[in-house]
Each structure stands twice: as C-alpha cells, then as structure tokens.
Protein backbone atom coordinates (compact mmCIF):
# COMPACT_ATOMS: atom_id res chain seq x y z
CA MET A 1 -55.36 -46.21 -4.92
CA ILE A 2 -54.37 -49.56 -3.37
CA TYR A 3 -56.65 -52.58 -3.48
CA SER A 4 -55.94 -56.03 -2.10
CA LYS A 5 -57.82 -59.29 -1.80
CA GLN A 6 -57.32 -62.87 -0.67
CA PHE A 7 -59.15 -65.51 -2.71
CA PRO A 8 -60.65 -68.75 -1.28
CA SER A 9 -57.63 -70.78 -2.44
CA GLY A 10 -55.33 -68.58 -0.34
CA LEU A 11 -54.01 -66.69 -3.39
CA ARG A 12 -53.43 -63.00 -2.69
CA MET A 13 -53.69 -60.02 -5.03
CA VAL A 14 -52.63 -56.39 -4.70
CA VAL A 15 -53.32 -53.59 -7.19
CA LYS A 16 -51.68 -50.14 -7.31
CA LYS A 17 -53.87 -47.98 -9.55
CA MET A 18 -51.72 -45.33 -11.27
CA GLU A 19 -53.82 -42.76 -13.10
CA GLY A 20 -52.57 -40.97 -16.20
CA LEU A 21 -50.43 -43.82 -17.52
CA PHE A 22 -50.91 -45.93 -20.63
CA SER A 23 -49.31 -49.13 -19.34
CA VAL A 24 -49.54 -51.71 -16.59
CA SER A 25 -47.05 -54.13 -15.04
CA MET A 26 -48.25 -57.46 -13.68
CA GLY A 27 -46.29 -59.97 -11.66
CA VAL A 28 -46.62 -63.42 -10.13
CA LEU A 29 -44.48 -63.53 -6.99
CA VAL A 30 -43.77 -66.90 -5.40
CA GLY A 31 -42.27 -67.15 -1.92
CA THR A 32 -39.46 -69.50 -2.82
CA GLY A 33 -35.81 -69.28 -3.78
CA SER A 34 -32.43 -70.77 -3.01
CA CYS A 35 -32.67 -70.27 0.77
CA PHE A 36 -35.56 -72.76 0.93
CA GLU A 37 -33.80 -75.48 -1.07
CA THR A 38 -32.12 -78.61 0.22
CA GLY A 39 -28.54 -79.31 -0.80
CA GLU A 40 -29.68 -81.66 -3.57
CA GLU A 41 -32.25 -79.14 -4.80
CA ASN A 42 -29.96 -76.11 -4.78
CA GLY A 43 -30.52 -74.30 -8.07
CA ILE A 44 -33.96 -75.77 -8.79
CA SER A 45 -35.92 -72.54 -8.14
CA HIS A 46 -33.79 -70.76 -10.73
CA PHE A 47 -33.95 -73.66 -13.19
CA ILE A 48 -37.74 -73.77 -12.94
CA GLU A 49 -37.83 -70.04 -13.66
CA HIS A 50 -35.96 -70.71 -16.90
CA MET A 51 -38.11 -73.68 -17.84
CA MET A 52 -41.41 -71.83 -17.36
CA PHE A 53 -40.85 -70.16 -20.73
CA LYS A 54 -40.27 -73.42 -22.61
CA GLY A 55 -43.77 -74.55 -23.43
CA THR A 56 -47.27 -75.13 -22.07
CA GLN A 57 -50.19 -77.33 -23.04
CA LYS A 58 -51.27 -74.73 -25.64
CA ARG A 59 -48.06 -72.86 -26.61
CA ASN A 60 -44.50 -73.90 -27.38
CA ALA A 61 -41.50 -71.79 -26.38
CA PHE A 62 -41.59 -69.68 -29.55
CA GLU A 63 -45.33 -69.14 -29.33
CA ILE A 64 -45.01 -67.76 -25.78
CA SER A 65 -42.50 -65.09 -26.82
CA ASP A 66 -44.29 -64.47 -30.12
CA ALA A 67 -47.63 -63.94 -28.36
CA MET A 68 -46.07 -61.29 -26.10
CA ASP A 69 -44.26 -59.63 -29.03
CA ARG A 70 -47.47 -59.46 -31.06
CA ILE A 71 -49.07 -57.20 -28.44
CA GLY A 72 -45.87 -55.22 -27.82
CA ALA A 73 -45.51 -56.54 -24.28
CA GLN A 74 -42.32 -57.17 -22.34
CA VAL A 75 -41.90 -60.32 -20.26
CA ASN A 76 -39.18 -61.41 -17.85
CA ALA A 77 -38.47 -63.24 -14.61
CA PHE A 78 -35.92 -63.46 -11.81
CA THR A 79 -34.99 -65.68 -8.89
CA SER A 80 -33.51 -64.41 -5.63
CA LYS A 81 -32.68 -65.99 -2.29
CA ASP A 82 -36.33 -66.00 -1.19
CA ILE A 83 -38.52 -64.95 -4.15
CA THR A 84 -39.19 -66.13 -7.68
CA CYS A 85 -41.02 -63.60 -9.84
CA TYR A 86 -42.54 -63.75 -13.33
CA TYR A 87 -43.71 -60.44 -14.73
CA ALA A 88 -44.91 -58.64 -17.83
CA LYS A 89 -45.50 -55.04 -18.87
CA SER A 90 -48.03 -54.11 -21.54
CA THR A 91 -50.11 -51.21 -22.73
CA SER A 92 -53.32 -50.97 -20.73
CA ASP A 93 -55.48 -52.06 -23.67
CA HIS A 94 -53.53 -55.35 -23.92
CA ALA A 95 -53.46 -56.10 -20.18
CA GLY A 96 -55.92 -58.98 -20.48
CA GLU A 97 -53.97 -60.71 -23.24
CA ALA A 98 -50.63 -60.26 -21.47
CA PHE A 99 -51.99 -61.63 -18.19
CA GLU A 100 -53.49 -64.67 -19.92
CA ILE A 101 -50.09 -65.52 -21.43
CA LEU A 102 -48.36 -64.95 -18.10
CA SER A 103 -50.82 -67.17 -16.26
CA ASP A 104 -50.56 -69.85 -18.95
CA PHE A 105 -46.85 -70.46 -18.58
CA VAL A 106 -46.84 -70.12 -14.78
CA LEU A 107 -49.70 -72.59 -14.30
CA ASN A 108 -49.44 -74.88 -17.33
CA SER A 109 -45.79 -75.40 -18.23
CA VAL A 110 -45.04 -78.96 -19.32
CA PHE A 111 -41.21 -78.92 -19.32
CA PRO A 112 -40.49 -80.86 -22.52
CA GLU A 113 -37.51 -83.20 -22.18
CA GLU A 114 -35.71 -81.76 -25.22
CA GLU A 115 -36.15 -78.22 -23.88
CA MET A 116 -34.84 -79.30 -20.47
CA GLU A 117 -31.62 -80.62 -21.97
CA ARG A 118 -31.09 -77.43 -23.97
CA GLU A 119 -31.84 -75.20 -20.98
CA LYS A 120 -29.49 -77.14 -18.75
CA GLY A 121 -26.76 -76.12 -21.18
CA VAL A 122 -27.87 -72.49 -20.93
CA VAL A 123 -27.83 -72.52 -17.12
CA LEU A 124 -24.45 -74.27 -17.05
CA GLU A 125 -23.13 -71.41 -19.19
CA GLU A 126 -24.68 -68.96 -16.74
CA ILE A 127 -22.85 -70.71 -13.89
CA ALA A 128 -19.60 -70.52 -15.88
CA MET A 129 -20.24 -66.82 -16.57
CA ASN A 130 -20.69 -66.21 -12.85
CA GLU A 131 -17.33 -67.88 -12.24
CA ASP A 132 -15.83 -65.44 -14.74
CA THR A 133 -17.54 -62.42 -13.11
CA PRO A 134 -15.33 -61.95 -10.06
CA ASP A 135 -17.43 -59.35 -8.24
CA ASP A 136 -20.51 -61.61 -8.36
CA LEU A 137 -18.37 -64.59 -7.41
CA CYS A 138 -16.89 -62.68 -4.47
CA LEU A 139 -20.36 -61.88 -3.13
CA ASP A 140 -21.35 -65.57 -3.44
CA VAL A 141 -18.24 -66.53 -1.47
CA LEU A 142 -19.12 -63.87 1.11
CA ALA A 143 -22.62 -65.33 1.54
CA GLN A 144 -21.06 -68.70 2.30
CA ALA A 145 -18.53 -67.10 4.67
CA TYR A 146 -21.34 -65.40 6.57
CA PHE A 147 -24.16 -67.96 6.44
CA GLY A 148 -22.32 -71.20 5.73
CA GLU A 149 -23.62 -73.72 3.21
CA GLU A 150 -27.28 -73.63 4.29
CA GLY A 151 -30.11 -71.14 3.89
CA TYR A 152 -28.98 -67.78 2.57
CA GLY A 153 -25.49 -69.15 2.05
CA LYS A 154 -26.66 -71.18 -0.95
CA THR A 155 -26.08 -69.73 -4.39
CA ILE A 156 -29.11 -68.94 -6.54
CA LEU A 157 -27.74 -70.79 -9.57
CA GLY A 158 -26.73 -73.88 -7.61
CA PRO A 159 -23.84 -76.21 -8.48
CA ALA A 160 -23.49 -77.59 -12.00
CA LYS A 161 -23.89 -81.20 -10.82
CA ASN A 162 -27.33 -80.40 -9.43
CA VAL A 163 -28.49 -78.72 -12.61
CA LYS A 164 -27.36 -81.71 -14.66
CA SER A 165 -29.32 -84.07 -12.41
CA PHE A 166 -32.73 -82.34 -12.37
CA SER A 167 -35.57 -84.39 -13.88
CA ARG A 168 -39.02 -83.29 -15.02
CA GLN A 169 -40.48 -85.00 -11.96
CA ASN A 170 -38.15 -83.04 -9.68
CA LEU A 171 -39.54 -79.83 -11.15
CA PHE A 172 -43.18 -80.90 -10.85
CA ASP A 173 -42.66 -82.07 -7.25
CA TYR A 174 -41.02 -78.80 -6.22
CA ILE A 175 -43.75 -76.73 -7.88
CA SER A 176 -46.46 -78.84 -6.24
CA GLU A 177 -45.01 -78.04 -2.82
CA ARG A 178 -43.70 -74.48 -3.19
CA TYR A 179 -46.08 -72.95 -5.76
CA ASN A 180 -48.97 -73.29 -3.32
CA PRO A 181 -51.72 -70.65 -3.68
CA GLU A 182 -50.98 -69.45 -0.14
CA ASN A 183 -47.38 -68.81 -1.21
CA ILE A 184 -48.25 -66.71 -4.29
CA VAL A 185 -49.09 -63.02 -4.73
CA ILE A 186 -50.39 -61.47 -7.94
CA SER A 187 -49.40 -57.80 -8.18
CA PHE A 188 -50.55 -55.12 -10.64
CA ALA A 189 -49.27 -51.56 -10.92
CA GLY A 190 -50.30 -49.05 -13.57
CA ASN A 191 -53.40 -47.92 -15.38
CA ILE A 192 -55.71 -50.87 -14.86
CA ASP A 193 -59.25 -50.93 -13.56
CA LEU A 194 -59.54 -52.66 -10.18
CA THR A 195 -62.49 -54.75 -11.31
CA GLN A 196 -60.63 -55.83 -14.45
CA ALA A 197 -57.59 -56.88 -12.40
CA GLU A 198 -59.73 -58.95 -10.04
CA ASP A 199 -61.63 -60.54 -12.93
CA LEU A 200 -58.37 -61.48 -14.66
CA VAL A 201 -57.01 -63.16 -11.53
CA GLN A 202 -60.30 -64.98 -10.95
CA LYS A 203 -60.52 -66.19 -14.56
CA HIS A 204 -56.92 -67.18 -15.23
CA PHE A 205 -55.58 -68.14 -11.78
CA GLU A 206 -58.15 -68.66 -9.06
CA SER A 207 -60.49 -70.74 -11.21
CA SER A 208 -57.63 -73.23 -11.76
CA LEU A 209 -56.51 -73.38 -8.13
CA LYS A 210 -57.79 -75.24 -5.12
CA LYS A 211 -56.96 -74.54 -1.50
CA ARG A 212 -54.54 -77.16 -0.29
CA GLU A 213 -52.50 -77.66 2.84
CA PHE A 214 -49.32 -75.62 2.89
CA ALA A 215 -46.52 -76.07 5.40
CA ASP A 216 -43.76 -73.59 4.66
CA ARG A 217 -40.24 -74.93 4.89
CA LYS A 218 -38.21 -73.84 7.87
CA LYS A 219 -35.05 -72.19 6.63
CA VAL A 220 -31.77 -73.26 8.17
CA VAL A 221 -30.10 -70.02 9.20
CA SER A 222 -26.79 -70.07 11.04
CA LEU A 223 -24.06 -67.46 11.18
CA CYS A 224 -20.59 -68.81 10.44
CA ARG A 225 -18.66 -65.51 10.47
CA THR A 226 -15.64 -66.93 8.71
CA ASN A 227 -13.08 -65.54 6.27
CA LEU A 228 -12.90 -67.32 2.90
CA TYR A 229 -10.91 -66.87 -0.29
CA LYS A 230 -10.94 -68.16 -3.86
CA TYR A 231 -7.94 -68.06 -6.15
CA LYS A 232 -8.62 -66.65 -9.62
CA ASP A 233 -5.97 -65.70 -12.16
CA ILE A 234 -7.35 -62.21 -12.78
CA GLU A 235 -5.98 -58.68 -12.69
CA GLN A 236 -7.91 -57.36 -9.68
CA VAL A 237 -8.47 -58.57 -6.15
CA HIS A 238 -12.10 -58.40 -5.06
CA ILE A 239 -12.81 -57.78 -1.38
CA ALA A 240 -16.15 -58.14 0.41
CA ILE A 241 -16.91 -57.75 4.11
CA ALA A 242 -20.21 -58.53 5.86
CA TYR A 243 -21.64 -57.29 9.14
CA PRO A 244 -25.00 -58.23 10.68
CA THR A 245 -27.83 -55.72 10.63
CA VAL A 246 -31.56 -55.65 11.36
CA ALA A 247 -34.25 -57.89 9.88
CA ARG A 248 -36.74 -56.90 7.22
CA GLU A 249 -39.50 -54.59 8.56
CA ASP A 250 -37.55 -53.88 11.74
CA SER A 251 -38.37 -50.42 13.11
CA LEU A 252 -34.78 -49.36 12.36
CA MET A 253 -34.66 -50.72 8.80
CA ASP A 254 -34.97 -47.28 7.18
CA ALA A 255 -32.44 -45.85 9.63
CA VAL A 256 -29.98 -48.55 8.58
CA GLN A 257 -30.47 -47.53 4.96
CA VAL A 258 -29.75 -43.90 5.79
CA MET A 259 -26.71 -44.91 7.84
CA ASN A 260 -25.47 -47.06 4.97
CA THR A 261 -25.92 -44.18 2.50
CA ILE A 262 -23.59 -42.10 4.64
CA LEU A 263 -21.05 -44.92 4.81
CA GLY A 264 -20.99 -46.26 1.26
CA GLY A 265 -24.14 -45.48 -0.69
CA GLY A 266 -22.89 -42.88 -3.15
CA MET A 267 -20.10 -40.65 -4.39
CA SER A 268 -20.28 -38.42 -1.30
CA SER A 269 -20.09 -41.41 1.07
CA ARG A 270 -17.27 -41.99 3.56
CA LEU A 271 -15.97 -45.09 1.79
CA PHE A 272 -15.97 -43.55 -1.68
CA GLN A 273 -14.29 -40.38 -0.52
CA LYS A 274 -11.64 -42.16 1.58
CA VAL A 275 -10.79 -45.28 -0.43
CA ARG A 276 -11.18 -43.91 -3.95
CA GLU A 277 -10.96 -40.11 -3.92
CA GLN A 278 -8.34 -39.57 -1.20
CA MET A 279 -6.25 -42.73 -1.45
CA GLY A 280 -6.89 -43.84 -5.05
CA LEU A 281 -7.02 -47.50 -4.01
CA ALA A 282 -10.15 -48.60 -5.89
CA TYR A 283 -12.29 -47.69 -8.84
CA THR A 284 -15.33 -49.33 -7.29
CA VAL A 285 -16.14 -49.26 -3.57
CA TYR A 286 -19.58 -49.25 -1.99
CA SER A 287 -21.79 -50.76 0.71
CA TYR A 288 -25.39 -51.92 0.82
CA PRO A 289 -27.78 -53.66 3.23
CA SER A 290 -29.77 -56.82 2.49
CA PHE A 291 -32.80 -57.48 4.68
CA PHE A 292 -34.26 -60.94 5.29
CA THR A 293 -36.98 -62.26 7.59
CA GLU A 294 -34.50 -63.62 10.14
CA GLY A 295 -31.94 -60.80 10.03
CA GLY A 296 -29.95 -58.61 7.71
CA VAL A 297 -26.46 -58.22 6.29
CA LEU A 298 -24.55 -55.04 5.54
CA THR A 299 -22.00 -55.68 2.79
CA ILE A 300 -18.94 -53.64 1.84
CA TYR A 301 -17.31 -54.33 -1.53
CA ALA A 302 -14.18 -53.08 -3.32
CA GLY A 303 -12.19 -54.13 -6.39
CA VAL A 304 -8.49 -53.26 -6.12
CA ASN A 305 -5.06 -53.80 -7.63
CA PRO A 306 -3.37 -56.82 -5.97
CA SER A 307 -0.57 -54.59 -4.66
CA ASN A 308 -3.18 -52.48 -2.84
CA THR A 309 -5.10 -55.31 -1.19
CA GLN A 310 -3.73 -54.77 2.31
CA LYS A 311 -3.93 -50.98 2.08
CA ALA A 312 -7.51 -51.11 0.82
CA LYS A 313 -8.60 -53.52 3.55
CA GLU A 314 -7.02 -51.31 6.20
CA ALA A 315 -8.59 -48.19 4.71
CA ILE A 316 -12.03 -49.81 4.71
CA ILE A 317 -11.73 -50.98 8.31
CA GLU A 318 -10.41 -47.61 9.44
CA THR A 319 -13.28 -45.85 7.68
CA VAL A 320 -15.75 -48.13 9.45
CA ASN A 321 -14.04 -47.66 12.82
CA SER A 322 -13.90 -43.87 12.51
CA PHE A 323 -17.56 -43.88 11.44
CA CYS A 324 -18.45 -45.75 14.63
CA ARG A 325 -16.32 -43.43 16.78
CA GLU A 326 -17.24 -40.09 15.23
CA LYS A 327 -20.75 -40.97 14.03
CA PHE A 328 -22.01 -38.45 11.47
CA THR A 329 -22.94 -34.82 11.06
CA LYS A 330 -26.44 -33.42 10.77
CA GLU A 331 -25.64 -32.51 7.16
CA GLU A 332 -24.68 -36.12 6.36
CA PHE A 333 -27.83 -37.38 8.07
CA GLU A 334 -30.12 -35.02 6.15
CA ARG A 335 -28.40 -35.86 2.86
CA GLY A 336 -28.74 -39.59 3.48
CA LYS A 337 -32.40 -39.25 4.44
CA GLU A 338 -33.12 -37.24 1.30
CA GLN A 339 -31.44 -39.90 -0.85
CA ILE A 340 -33.54 -42.71 0.62
CA THR A 341 -36.76 -40.69 0.45
CA SER A 342 -36.15 -39.61 -3.15
CA SER A 343 -35.36 -43.20 -4.21
CA LEU A 344 -38.70 -44.30 -2.78
CA ILE A 345 -40.50 -41.47 -4.57
CA PHE A 346 -38.64 -42.04 -7.85
CA SER A 347 -39.75 -45.67 -7.79
CA GLN A 348 -43.38 -44.48 -7.97
CA GLU A 349 -42.75 -43.41 -11.56
CA SER A 350 -42.01 -47.00 -12.64
CA THR A 351 -44.84 -49.51 -12.88
CA VAL A 352 -42.40 -52.43 -12.61
CA SER A 353 -40.86 -50.97 -9.42
CA GLN A 354 -44.30 -50.40 -7.92
CA MET A 355 -45.49 -53.87 -8.88
CA LEU A 356 -42.48 -55.36 -7.08
CA LEU A 357 -42.69 -52.99 -4.09
CA TYR A 358 -46.32 -53.77 -3.33
CA GLY A 359 -46.08 -57.43 -4.33
CA LYS A 360 -43.11 -58.14 -2.09
CA HIS A 361 -44.67 -56.32 0.85
CA MET A 362 -47.84 -58.37 0.51
CA LEU A 363 -45.87 -61.61 0.17
CA TYR A 364 -43.70 -60.92 3.22
CA ASN A 365 -46.24 -59.22 5.49
CA ASN A 366 -49.68 -60.25 4.23
CA VAL A 367 -50.86 -56.63 4.22
CA ALA A 368 -50.85 -53.91 1.58
CA LEU A 369 -48.03 -51.39 1.89
CA ASP A 370 -49.05 -47.97 3.24
CA LEU A 371 -46.67 -45.79 1.23
CA LYS A 372 -47.78 -42.54 2.86
CA GLU A 373 -46.99 -44.04 6.26
CA ARG A 374 -43.61 -45.20 4.97
CA VAL A 375 -42.74 -41.71 3.68
CA ARG A 376 -44.02 -40.16 6.92
CA SER A 377 -41.79 -42.44 9.00
CA LEU A 378 -38.82 -41.43 6.86
CA GLU A 379 -39.61 -37.76 7.36
CA GLU A 380 -39.90 -38.24 11.12
CA MET A 381 -36.65 -40.21 11.42
CA THR A 382 -34.18 -38.59 13.82
CA MET A 383 -30.42 -38.59 14.10
CA GLU A 384 -30.86 -40.63 17.28
CA ASP A 385 -32.60 -43.36 15.24
CA CYS A 386 -29.69 -43.44 12.84
CA GLU A 387 -27.19 -43.53 15.72
CA ARG A 388 -29.03 -46.51 17.20
CA ALA A 389 -28.78 -48.23 13.81
CA LEU A 390 -25.06 -47.50 13.71
CA GLU A 391 -24.58 -49.04 17.15
CA LEU A 392 -26.17 -52.29 15.98
CA ASN A 393 -23.67 -52.75 13.14
CA PHE A 394 -19.95 -53.29 12.70
CA ARG A 395 -19.24 -55.66 15.57
CA ALA A 396 -15.82 -57.06 14.67
CA GLU A 397 -16.58 -60.42 16.30
CA ASP A 398 -19.58 -60.90 13.98
CA MET A 399 -17.80 -59.98 10.76
CA ALA A 400 -17.19 -62.27 7.77
CA SER A 401 -15.10 -61.64 4.68
CA ALA A 402 -14.35 -62.97 1.22
CA VAL A 403 -11.54 -62.27 -1.22
CA VAL A 404 -11.24 -63.40 -4.85
CA GLY A 405 -8.19 -62.99 -7.06
CA LYS A 406 -4.53 -63.96 -7.08
CA VAL A 407 -4.64 -64.72 -3.38
CA LYS A 408 -3.70 -67.82 -1.43
CA LYS A 409 -5.21 -67.00 1.94
CA PRO A 410 -8.22 -65.17 3.36
CA LEU A 411 -8.08 -61.62 4.66
CA SER A 412 -6.73 -61.27 8.18
CA PHE A 413 -8.17 -58.82 10.69
C-alpha cells in the first residue's frame, strides 16, 4: 500500500506499507546537492550532512549516536549531485523513537564551533582519500570534462579551500534557503501503520515548520564535451568516457537502462566480453547511465595497465561502434530486460531501497510512484524502443573523456 500527503507547510510525505516485516526505514530527503551550489559554496551540502550529527539543542554528538544504538537502530546519510538524504532503520516497535532522533538532528542542529573545526579535518581527509582513489577521481574529472565547472560538473566534496572557509552562519544561511519545507520529502518503507507515520511527521516535523516562500535555484547546465587528464603516479591508467542520454523520467529511460545492460552492465555484456574476456586488457570495465532533470549521461569506465591504454581505448570505441552498427539480438534484449526488471523487484525486499525509491520519485515528480505501472511498462518494452534508445546515444561529437594515471595528455579520438 502506498500513501502520500502534502502538509500545509509544503512538506511532503510518502509511505510504502510492507506487511510481514519487523522493521521500517525512514528518510528525510532534501532537494539539494552540489549541482545547486555556487562556486564559493561548493561542498557545503556535503559538509552540512556531516555536521548534522554533531549536536542539537538537546543532544550532543555522542548522545545522538548513543540514542540510536540504545534502540538498535541504524542511522546514516549521503549527499549526491542533487539530493541530500538522512535516514534511519529500526525495528517497528522503535519507529517513533528513531524518527524523533532523526527529526531532532535534521531540524535542530546547532553546529558547535569546536565540532566544526574537527569535522573540517575529517572532510579534508575525505577529499585527500578521493584524490588517492583513482577510479573515483577519474569520474570526477569526467564530470568536469562533460559539464564544465558549473552544475553537475561540481564535485560533491568541494575543494579543500572552501571547506576550510565555511562558517556556522554559512551553514545556517544555506539551510534556511535550501531546507525549505517545499523542498523536503519524508519517506517511510516497512512495517509501519499509516496513521502512525502521519502522526510522527505532524508531531516532529510539521508542527515545527511554517510555509515560507521558496524559489528553487536555477542550475547552470552546459555541455563542454572536452577531453581532460590528470597525472597521478599510480600503477594503472583509469579511462572514462561520457555520452549524452535521456533525462530522468523520459519515456525511453528504461529502454536506455536495458540498452546499457547489453553494452556494459554485467559479465555477459559486450564491453566485458570484448575488453576483458577476449582481449585481457582490463580487470574492471563497465558502463552505467545517470539520469538528471535536464538530461542524462552514459558513462563507460575501465582501469588498465599503462601499456594497454591505447589498445583499451580503441577496443572500447570499436565495441561501441559495432554496437551501434549491429544493434543487438532478441536474446540480448530479453536478457537485459530481465536484469532491469529483476533489479527493480529485488529492491522491494529492502526497506532502505524502497524508502529511497519512493522518496526520490516524490521529490522529483511530486507524485507517488506507481510500481505496478513501472513493471508493466518494462514488460511491454519492445526491441524497437531499445533501438530508439541506442540511436540517441554515442554521438562522437558529443563525447567527453577523462584519463587519470601516468599520462601527460588527454585521450585522442
């Protein structure tokens, strides 16, 4: 059963009732992330996510974690390009206590100065760790190559100089603007009574909120389509290539996912079989789509020995070109469709996955997801739909690339 409601403040709630379970996941999803930030703010969404756990008017940092541990609950958070999410999972009998703690630190964090200085050190280490994780670094460089330095091209962590400069007032100002009730969705998934969920939101969130004017920021989205590189003294060369694809909720979005599964979504995919199994050029090679409101990106990634960089690049491009020329067989299409459908069904067994699935859909589309309709559309997808999706991708003139390793120039095509 799916239940949704919009409160007078503009706050939205969605509940996925899952009978037969003994737990519930609850999340606070905020429609903000690095793509909404200015250059000076870049990294602030992520830093706020960290600081939310560092103390409220009634609990210090230890007391927040201790309160969750005492009821056996799990709590976490993440920041992406366009969402910040705080979530907890508890047994159903402790749902009220877990939600009260969650609401306390999301609504009442005070950001103590001493905690800010400590957490800046933690985030600076996270930035350094990203620099030492070449596959993640390569994908950050690719985002800049494709989108430039604005919008989705910004890194989630932001530059170290920004993190060092953030003040308590910067955090409060950003929250005042971006954590507007109209920009927040509360999502529940699991064994929780619908009335209880609504009462919890009313008591711990809505009663503290007032409707206020909200003007969403206009994201700066431009396609640069460049080729970038970053020299790193490491043993592998990391290659990433980006092509444009459809936007989130486009009628061909699921067809793109099936098409991508055929190309690089698993061990039976074209890229894996060609680049790894037949040519032995890479241990890791895959592709995946990312869908945003304004458009999408299909990314291909491989980590290779420096001596195989040129061969691997050529093998990837040839695999893409032959895929466009020859398209795919009915067997490949059916296999790809089954993989996407089963992934959607498997996610129904996880309360966290369902909380995110329904919460994100409500945040992006302002309606509750109709899962049966989604599965039906997957079942009715045709090879022609997938061929249309294939035709929309892999335009060489719109491609961008990134390479990280012992390299002194970008990839050439």
